[in-house]
Amino acid sequence: MIEIAGGPHILPANPRIDAVPAPVVVHIIAAAVYAFLGSLQFSARLRRGRPSWHRRSGRLLVGAGMLVAVSGLWMTLFYTGAPGGDLLWAVRLLVATAMAASIVLGFTAIRRRDITAHRAWMVRAYALAVAAGTQVFTQGIGEGLFGVSELSTSLSVSSGWVINAAVAEWMIRRPTTRRTRRAATRTTLTGSR
C-alpha cells in the first residue's frame, strides 16, 4: 500500500500490480477490515451482549469478505505470471471461489435462522481469508527446506490454506463443554416432560 501510494519501494518491482493497482488496494483494505472485525465475531460475549452490533458488523463483513474473494479472483485471472505456476493458480481460483461460496451460504443460512450452519460457513470463510498469516510461516519453512521453485512455492502457500481449513473444520466439529452441557440439559428437560 505504501508503494502504491507513492512511498519508497520496499518489495521488488511488480509490473502487474504497477499497471493495475486498484484490485490490490481493494484486496488489502477489505482484508484488513474482514480480519479485524471478523475476529471480534468469535467473542460469544459480544454476540450475546450486543446482537444488533453482531448483525450490523456481520453485514459489513459480508461485503468486505466478498470484496476480498472477488478481488483475489480478479488478481488470479488477470495478473499473469504470478509465482507458483499453474498449480497455485488453480488453488487460488478454488480458494477465492470457496470463500465467496462460504460467505453466500453463511448469509443464506442466517436468513433461514440456521445459526449452526451460519456459524460453520462463516468460520470456513474467515479461515480461508486469514491464511496469509499462516502462509508467512508455511512459505518460509517450505523455502528453507525445499528451496525456491514453482512447486515448492505452490505447495507451501497452498499448505497455509489447507492448515487453516483443517483448523476451521476442527473448530466447527469439536464438542465443547458448553454445547455438550446445553444439549444434556435439553435432553433432560425433554425427557422429564
Foldseek 3Di string as FASTA:
>chain_A
DCVQVPHDDDDPDQVLCNVPVVLVVLQVVLLVLLLVLVVVLVDPCCCVVPVVVNVVSLVVNLVSLLSNLVSLCVCLVRVPDDAQPPLLSVLSNVLSVLLNVLSVQLVVCVVVVNNLSNLLSSQLNNLSSPLVVVLVVQLVVLCVVPNDDSNSNSVSSSVSSVVSNVVSVCVSPPDDPVNVVVVVVVVVVVVVD
